[in-house]
C-alpha cells in the first residue's frame, strides 16, 4: 500500500538532476555579488521638492534647514547664522564647538568672503525627513576606495537637527575628527 501511495505522488517530486545546475548557478551568482559593487548613493534633482509636507510645521522645519544649507553652509553668509541657530546651539560634531558664535567664527576663518546666495541648494540631497522637532538630511558622500585609491565609492552622510521655536538648537552628523 505504501508503494502505491508513493507511485501515485511520483509526478509531484522534483527531479534532482534538474535542480543541481540551478544550485550551481545560484552559488556562482552569490559568489560574484561582491564583484558587482554597491548601488551608488545619488541625490534627487530637485531637493526643494523634498520640503513639501501635509504638516505645515514639519514643512517649515525642513525649509529652515534647506535655507540654512543654501545661505550659510553653501554661501558662507555668517551674518545669517543667528537667523537659523539659537545662541546656545549644541554641536555634536567632534571637530566643532557649541554655540552660534563659535560656528560663525569657524566659517569666517575658513571662508572669509561669502559667496552669492543661490536660489536653489547646490548640494545633492537624498532625503529630508521631519518628525516632531527633528529634521534629518541624508546626502551622498564620495570617498577614495581604501582598496584602490584611484577609484571612488559613495555612501550616505547625514545631518540631524533639533528645532525649537524656529531655530536649530542641536546638531548631529557623521563627521569624524
Protein backbone atom coordinates (compact mmCIF):
# COMPACT_ATOMS: atom_id res chain seq x y z
CA UNK A 1 0.00 0.00 0.00
CA UNK A 2 2.88 2.42 0.77
CA UNK A 3 4.47 1.84 -2.64
CA UNK A 4 1.15 2.58 -4.34
CA UNK A 5 0.89 5.89 -2.49
CA UNK A 6 4.48 6.77 -3.36
CA UNK A 7 3.91 5.87 -7.03
CA UNK A 8 0.77 7.97 -7.21
CA UNK A 9 2.74 11.02 -5.98
CA UNK A 10 5.85 10.43 -8.09
CA UNK A 11 4.87 13.14 -10.56
CA UNK A 12 4.86 15.65 -7.64
CA UNK A 13 8.52 15.00 -6.72
CA UNK A 14 11.21 17.31 -8.09
CA UNK A 15 13.82 15.83 -10.36
CA UNK A 16 17.11 16.44 -8.50
CA UNK A 17 19.11 16.17 -11.74
CA UNK A 18 17.41 19.39 -12.91
CA UNK A 19 17.99 21.14 -9.56
CA UNK A 20 21.78 20.66 -9.41
CA UNK A 21 22.55 23.04 -12.32
CA UNK A 22 20.28 25.66 -10.75
CA UNK A 23 22.08 25.29 -7.40
CA UNK A 24 25.44 25.75 -9.13
CA UNK A 25 24.17 28.82 -10.97
CA UNK A 26 22.84 30.38 -7.73
CA UNK A 27 26.05 29.58 -5.86
CA UNK A 28 28.11 31.23 -8.64
CA UNK A 29 25.82 34.28 -8.66
CA UNK A 30 26.07 34.70 -4.88
CA UNK A 31 29.86 34.31 -5.02
CA UNK A 32 30.10 37.04 -7.68
CA UNK A 33 27.84 39.60 -5.97
CA UNK A 34 30.71 41.34 -4.16
CA UNK A 35 32.36 41.91 -7.54
CA UNK A 36 29.31 43.78 -8.82
CA UNK A 37 29.64 46.52 -6.20
CA UNK A 38 27.15 48.70 -4.48
CA UNK A 39 24.45 50.85 -5.97
CA UNK A 40 25.86 54.40 -5.83
CA UNK A 41 24.22 56.87 -3.47
CA UNK A 42 22.77 59.73 -5.51
CA UNK A 43 20.70 62.77 -4.68
CA UNK A 44 17.46 63.96 -6.21
CA UNK A 45 17.47 66.56 -9.00
CA UNK A 46 15.16 68.91 -7.08
CA UNK A 47 15.93 68.99 -3.33
CA UNK A 48 13.29 71.68 -2.84
CA UNK A 49 10.64 69.10 -3.73
CA UNK A 50 11.59 67.18 -0.57
CA UNK A 51 10.34 70.01 1.65
CA UNK A 52 6.62 69.55 0.93
CA UNK A 53 4.57 68.08 3.78
CA UNK A 54 0.90 67.91 4.77
CA UNK A 55 2.02 69.14 8.21
CA UNK A 56 2.94 72.83 7.79
CA UNK A 57 5.18 72.84 10.91
CA UNK A 58 7.24 69.94 9.55
CA UNK A 59 7.40 71.67 6.17
CA UNK A 60 8.61 74.89 7.85
CA UNK A 61 11.28 72.95 9.76
CA UNK A 62 12.53 71.29 6.57
CA UNK A 63 12.56 74.65 4.75
CA UNK A 64 14.54 76.17 7.63
CA UNK A 65 17.24 73.54 7.19
CA UNK A 66 17.28 73.80 3.40
CA UNK A 67 17.68 77.59 3.71
CA UNK A 68 20.44 77.10 6.31
CA UNK A 69 22.26 74.91 3.79
CA UNK A 70 21.80 77.41 0.97
CA UNK A 71 22.58 80.67 2.78
CA UNK A 72 25.10 79.66 5.44
CA UNK A 73 26.68 76.30 4.62
CA UNK A 74 26.99 76.85 0.85
CA UNK A 75 27.22 80.66 0.51
CA UNK A 76 29.05 81.20 3.85
CA UNK A 77 26.95 84.16 4.98
CA UNK A 78 27.95 84.06 8.63
CA UNK A 79 25.90 87.18 9.39
CA UNK A 80 22.81 84.99 8.84
CA UNK A 81 23.75 82.30 11.38
CA UNK A 82 21.58 83.84 14.11
CA UNK A 83 18.61 83.66 11.71
CA UNK A 84 18.92 79.86 11.86
CA UNK A 85 20.72 78.88 15.08
CA UNK A 86 19.87 79.51 18.72
CA UNK A 87 22.71 81.30 20.58
CA UNK A 88 23.24 78.25 22.83
CA UNK A 89 23.21 75.84 19.88
CA UNK A 90 24.59 72.39 20.88
CA UNK A 91 27.05 70.84 18.43
CA UNK A 92 27.79 67.09 18.44
CA UNK A 93 30.32 67.25 15.60
CA UNK A 94 33.68 66.22 17.14
CA UNK A 95 35.53 68.95 15.23
CA UNK A 96 33.26 71.83 16.24
CA UNK A 97 32.31 73.64 19.42
CA UNK A 98 28.94 74.65 20.83
CA UNK A 99 27.26 77.97 20.15
CA UNK A 100 26.16 80.01 17.15
CA UNK A 101 29.07 82.41 17.68
CA UNK A 102 31.57 79.53 17.54
CA UNK A 103 30.12 78.33 14.25
CA UNK A 104 30.21 81.87 12.84
CA UNK A 105 33.88 82.23 13.85
CA UNK A 106 34.72 78.86 12.28
CA UNK A 107 33.08 79.82 8.99
CA UNK A 108 34.63 83.31 8.95
CA UNK A 109 38.09 81.80 9.38
CA UNK A 110 37.54 79.12 6.76
CA UNK A 111 35.57 81.22 4.26
CA UNK A 112 36.45 84.92 4.75
CA UNK A 113 34.50 86.01 1.65
CA UNK A 114 30.85 84.95 1.36
CA UNK A 115 29.54 83.79 -1.99
CA UNK A 116 26.37 84.93 -3.71
CA UNK A 117 23.31 83.18 -2.27
CA UNK A 118 21.84 80.90 -4.89
CA UNK A 119 18.08 80.49 -5.34
CA UNK A 120 18.42 76.70 -5.04
CA UNK A 121 20.55 74.35 -2.96
CA UNK A 122 23.60 73.13 -4.89
CA UNK A 123 24.30 70.11 -2.71
CA UNK A 124 22.80 66.79 -3.78
CA UNK A 125 20.30 65.54 -1.21
CA UNK A 126 18.82 62.05 -0.96
CA UNK A 127 16.08 62.85 1.55
CA UNK A 128 14.85 65.35 4.11
CA UNK A 129 12.75 63.76 6.83
CA UNK A 130 10.97 65.63 9.62
CA UNK A 131 9.26 64.23 12.69
CA UNK A 132 8.33 66.24 15.75
CA UNK A 133 11.15 68.72 16.39
CA UNK A 134 13.74 66.76 14.37
CA UNK A 135 14.89 67.13 10.76
CA UNK A 136 17.30 64.64 9.18
CA UNK A 137 19.03 65.31 5.86
CA UNK A 138 20.71 62.43 4.03
CA UNK A 139 23.14 63.22 1.21
CA UNK A 140 25.67 61.38 -0.94
CA UNK A 141 29.33 61.41 0.06
CA UNK A 142 32.19 60.28 -2.16
CA UNK A 143 35.47 58.85 -0.87
CA UNK A 144 38.58 57.16 -2.29
CA UNK A 145 38.27 53.38 -2.20
CA UNK A 146 40.69 52.15 0.52
CA UNK A 147 41.46 49.05 -1.58
CA UNK A 148 42.18 51.12 -4.70
CA UNK A 149 42.63 54.90 -4.13
CA UNK A 150 42.38 55.50 -7.89
CA UNK A 151 38.68 54.58 -7.56
CA UNK A 152 35.93 56.23 -5.59
CA UNK A 153 32.81 54.97 -3.85
CA UNK A 154 29.74 56.67 -2.46
CA UNK A 155 28.00 56.34 0.85
CA UNK A 156 25.32 58.25 2.71
CA UNK A 157 26.14 61.14 5.02
CA UNK A 158 23.65 62.77 7.34
CA UNK A 159 22.92 65.86 9.38
CA UNK A 160 20.25 65.77 12.08
CA UNK A 161 18.84 68.91 13.64
CA UNK A 162 16.59 69.56 16.61
CA UNK A 163 14.50 72.68 16.16
CA UNK A 164 12.83 74.77 18.84
CA UNK A 165 10.90 78.00 18.24
CA UNK A 166 12.02 78.15 14.60
CA UNK A 167 15.76 77.82 15.30
CA UNK A 168 18.24 74.96 15.34
CA UNK A 169 19.15 74.16 18.94
CA UNK A 170 21.12 70.94 18.38
CA UNK A 171 23.05 69.23 15.57
CA UNK A 172 24.46 65.74 14.91
CA UNK A 173 26.33 64.40 11.88
CA UNK A 174 28.61 61.58 10.84
CA UNK A 175 31.77 63.72 10.87
CA UNK A 176 34.97 62.35 12.32
CA UNK A 177 37.97 64.11 13.84
